[in-house]
Amino acid sequence: MGKDLPRGHEKIRSGEQIQFATFTNVAAAVAAGVTAAQFPRRIIHLSAGGTGGVPCLAISDGTNWKQVAIGISAI
């Protein structure tokens, strides 16, 4: 694999599953020490953190966690 690529890229190329850290919501992530400022560009899974308490992903922009809706089930 390319020596300049982070380990995450190697996992994608090899077909391994990527698993995100899971927290109930952003408050739980912050309480665990996972802040947007400390982990820029990090993606986390929120099991009940989306609008209406639904699961979503959150991406750090270096200042805040930005919610990304997971969407409907794939067929």
N, C-alpha and C. Protein backbone atom coordinates (compact mmCIF):
# COMPACT_ATOMS: atom_id res chain seq x y z
N MET A 1 0.83 -1.18 0.00
CA MET A 1 0.00 0.00 0.00
C MET A 1 0.88 1.24 0.00
N GLY A 2 0.32 2.36 -0.42
CA GLY A 2 1.08 3.61 -0.47
C GLY A 2 1.51 4.06 0.91
N LYS A 3 2.78 4.34 1.06
CA LYS A 3 3.28 4.72 2.38
C LYS A 3 2.82 6.09 2.81
N ASP A 4 2.32 6.92 1.89
CA ASP A 4 1.86 8.25 2.23
C ASP A 4 0.40 8.27 2.69
N LEU A 5 -0.31 7.17 2.54
CA LEU A 5 -1.71 7.13 2.91
C LEU A 5 -1.90 6.70 4.35
N PRO A 6 -2.86 7.32 5.05
CA PRO A 6 -3.17 6.88 6.41
C PRO A 6 -3.71 5.45 6.41
N ARG A 7 -3.66 4.81 7.54
CA ARG A 7 -4.11 3.43 7.69
C ARG A 7 -5.55 3.23 7.21
N GLY A 8 -6.41 4.22 7.39
CA GLY A 8 -7.81 4.11 6.95
C GLY A 8 -7.93 3.82 5.47
N HIS A 9 -7.07 4.42 4.66
CA HIS A 9 -7.09 4.17 3.23
C HIS A 9 -6.71 2.73 2.92
N GLU A 10 -5.78 2.19 3.67
CA GLU A 10 -5.39 0.79 3.47
C GLU A 10 -6.57 -0.13 3.76
N LYS A 11 -7.35 0.19 4.80
CA LYS A 11 -8.51 -0.63 5.13
C LYS A 11 -9.53 -0.61 3.99
N ILE A 12 -9.76 0.56 3.43
CA ILE A 12 -10.71 0.67 2.33
C ILE A 12 -10.23 -0.14 1.14
N ARG A 13 -8.97 -0.01 0.79
CA ARG A 13 -8.43 -0.73 -0.36
C ARG A 13 -8.48 -2.24 -0.17
N SER A 14 -8.30 -2.71 1.07
CA SER A 14 -8.30 -4.15 1.31
C SER A 14 -9.71 -4.70 1.49
N GLY A 15 -10.72 -3.83 1.53
CA GLY A 15 -12.10 -4.28 1.66
C GLY A 15 -12.53 -4.52 3.10
N GLU A 16 -11.71 -4.12 4.07
CA GLU A 16 -12.10 -4.27 5.47
C GLU A 16 -13.24 -3.34 5.80
N GLN A 17 -14.03 -3.72 6.80
CA GLN A 17 -15.09 -2.85 7.28
C GLN A 17 -14.49 -1.69 8.05
N ILE A 18 -15.10 -0.54 7.90
CA ILE A 18 -14.71 0.61 8.69
C ILE A 18 -15.77 0.77 9.77
N GLN A 19 -15.35 0.79 11.01
CA GLN A 19 -16.28 0.94 12.12
C GLN A 19 -16.00 2.25 12.82
N PHE A 20 -17.05 3.05 13.00
CA PHE A 20 -16.93 4.32 13.67
C PHE A 20 -17.22 4.17 15.15
N ALA A 21 -16.57 4.99 15.96
CA ALA A 21 -16.88 5.02 17.39
C ALA A 21 -18.35 5.44 17.53
N THR A 22 -19.06 4.83 18.47
CA THR A 22 -20.48 5.12 18.67
C THR A 22 -20.72 5.75 20.03
N PHE A 23 -21.52 6.79 20.02
CA PHE A 23 -21.94 7.48 21.24
C PHE A 23 -23.44 7.72 21.12
N THR A 24 -24.11 7.90 22.25
CA THR A 24 -25.55 8.17 22.21
C THR A 24 -25.83 9.48 21.51
N ASN A 25 -25.07 10.52 21.86
CA ASN A 25 -25.25 11.85 21.28
C ASN A 25 -23.93 12.62 21.41
N VAL A 26 -23.91 13.85 20.93
CA VAL A 26 -22.69 14.65 20.98
C VAL A 26 -22.26 14.89 22.43
N ALA A 27 -23.21 15.12 23.33
CA ALA A 27 -22.87 15.35 24.73
C ALA A 27 -22.11 14.15 25.31
N ALA A 28 -22.53 12.95 24.95
CA ALA A 28 -21.85 11.74 25.43
C ALA A 28 -20.44 11.64 24.84
N ALA A 29 -20.29 12.01 23.58
CA ALA A 29 -18.96 11.99 22.96
C ALA A 29 -18.03 12.98 23.66
N VAL A 30 -18.53 14.19 23.90
CA VAL A 30 -17.73 15.22 24.57
C VAL A 30 -17.38 14.78 25.99
N ALA A 31 -18.33 14.17 26.69
CA ALA A 31 -18.07 13.68 28.05
C ALA A 31 -16.99 12.60 28.06
N ALA A 32 -16.87 11.86 26.95
CA ALA A 32 -15.84 10.83 26.82
C ALA A 32 -14.52 11.40 26.32
N GLY A 33 -14.48 12.73 26.11
CA GLY A 33 -13.24 13.37 25.65
C GLY A 33 -13.09 13.45 24.15
N VAL A 34 -14.15 13.13 23.42
CA VAL A 34 -14.09 13.17 21.96
C VAL A 34 -14.75 14.48 21.51
N THR A 35 -13.95 15.53 21.44
CA THR A 35 -14.47 16.84 21.04
C THR A 35 -14.13 17.12 19.59
N ALA A 36 -14.93 17.98 18.99
CA ALA A 36 -14.70 18.35 17.59
C ALA A 36 -13.34 19.02 17.41
N ALA A 37 -12.95 19.83 18.39
CA ALA A 37 -11.67 20.54 18.30
C ALA A 37 -10.48 19.58 18.36
N GLN A 38 -10.59 18.54 19.18
CA GLN A 38 -9.48 17.59 19.32
C GLN A 38 -9.39 16.60 18.16
N PHE A 39 -10.48 16.39 17.46
CA PHE A 39 -10.53 15.38 16.41
C PHE A 39 -11.10 15.93 15.11
N PRO A 40 -10.43 16.92 14.50
CA PRO A 40 -10.94 17.44 13.22
C PRO A 40 -10.97 16.35 12.16
N ARG A 41 -12.01 16.39 11.33
CA ARG A 41 -12.25 15.44 10.24
C ARG A 41 -12.63 14.05 10.72
N ARG A 42 -12.82 13.85 12.01
CA ARG A 42 -13.24 12.56 12.56
C ARG A 42 -14.73 12.34 12.28
N ILE A 43 -15.11 11.11 12.01
CA ILE A 43 -16.51 10.74 11.85
C ILE A 43 -16.88 9.83 13.01
N ILE A 44 -18.02 10.11 13.65
CA ILE A 44 -18.52 9.27 14.73
C ILE A 44 -19.98 8.91 14.43
N HIS A 45 -20.44 7.83 15.04
CA HIS A 45 -21.84 7.41 14.92
C HIS A 45 -22.56 7.83 16.19
N LEU A 46 -23.74 8.44 16.04
CA LEU A 46 -24.56 8.82 17.18
C LEU A 46 -25.83 7.97 17.14
N SER A 47 -26.00 7.10 18.13
CA SER A 47 -27.12 6.16 18.10
C SER A 47 -28.47 6.83 18.31
N ALA A 48 -28.49 7.97 18.98
CA ALA A 48 -29.75 8.71 19.19
C ALA A 48 -29.48 10.20 19.14
N GLY A 49 -28.54 10.60 18.32
CA GLY A 49 -28.11 11.98 18.34
C GLY A 49 -28.64 12.86 17.25
N GLY A 50 -29.36 12.28 16.31
CA GLY A 50 -29.86 13.10 15.21
C GLY A 50 -31.12 13.84 15.58
N THR A 51 -31.59 14.66 14.68
CA THR A 51 -32.84 15.38 14.88
C THR A 51 -33.95 14.37 15.14
N GLY A 52 -34.68 14.56 16.22
CA GLY A 52 -35.74 13.62 16.59
C GLY A 52 -35.20 12.37 17.27
N GLY A 53 -33.93 12.39 17.69
CA GLY A 53 -33.37 11.25 18.41
C GLY A 53 -33.10 10.04 17.55
N VAL A 54 -32.88 10.24 16.26
CA VAL A 54 -32.61 9.12 15.36
C VAL A 54 -31.11 8.96 15.16
N PRO A 55 -30.66 7.77 14.78
CA PRO A 55 -29.23 7.57 14.52
C PRO A 55 -28.74 8.46 13.37
N CYS A 56 -27.49 8.88 13.48
CA CYS A 56 -26.89 9.68 12.42
C CYS A 56 -25.37 9.57 12.54
N LEU A 57 -24.68 10.13 11.58
CA LEU A 57 -23.24 10.29 11.66
C LEU A 57 -22.96 11.74 12.00
N ALA A 58 -21.82 12.00 12.59
CA ALA A 58 -21.39 13.37 12.87
C ALA A 58 -19.95 13.50 12.41
N ILE A 59 -19.63 14.61 11.76
CA ILE A 59 -18.29 14.87 11.25
C ILE A 59 -17.79 16.14 11.91
N SER A 60 -16.56 16.10 12.43
CA SER A 60 -15.96 17.27 13.04
C SER A 60 -15.41 18.19 11.97
N ASP A 61 -15.76 19.48 12.08
CA ASP A 61 -15.17 20.48 11.18
C ASP A 61 -14.02 21.20 11.89
N GLY A 62 -13.61 20.67 13.03
CA GLY A 62 -12.53 21.27 13.81
C GLY A 62 -13.05 22.20 14.89
N THR A 63 -14.31 22.56 14.79
CA THR A 63 -14.94 23.43 15.79
C THR A 63 -16.21 22.81 16.34
N ASN A 64 -17.04 22.27 15.44
CA ASN A 64 -18.33 21.69 15.82
C ASN A 64 -18.51 20.32 15.17
N TRP A 65 -19.41 19.54 15.76
CA TRP A 65 -19.83 18.30 15.13
C TRP A 65 -20.98 18.63 14.20
N LYS A 66 -20.90 18.20 12.95
CA LYS A 66 -21.93 18.44 11.95
C LYS A 66 -22.70 17.15 11.70
N GLN A 67 -24.01 17.21 11.87
CA GLN A 67 -24.87 16.04 11.72
C GLN A 67 -25.05 15.67 10.26
N VAL A 68 -24.96 14.38 9.97
CA VAL A 68 -25.22 13.86 8.64
C VAL A 68 -26.27 12.77 8.79
N ALA A 69 -27.44 13.00 8.23
CA ALA A 69 -28.51 12.01 8.32
C ALA A 69 -28.11 10.74 7.58
N ILE A 70 -28.46 9.61 8.13
CA ILE A 70 -28.12 8.33 7.51
C ILE A 70 -29.04 8.04 6.33
N GLY A 71 -30.31 8.40 6.43
CA GLY A 71 -31.24 8.22 5.32
C GLY A 71 -32.03 6.94 5.42
N ILE A 72 -32.74 6.64 4.34
CA ILE A 72 -33.60 5.47 4.32
C ILE A 72 -32.81 4.21 4.02
N SER A 73 -33.43 3.07 4.28
CA SER A 73 -32.76 1.79 4.05
C SER A 73 -32.54 1.54 2.56
N ALA A 74 -31.41 0.96 2.25
CA ALA A 74 -31.12 0.59 0.87
C ALA A 74 -31.83 -0.70 0.53
N ILE A 75 -32.19 -0.83 -0.71
CA ILE A 75 -32.88 -2.05 -1.15
C ILE A 75 -31.88 -2.96 -1.80
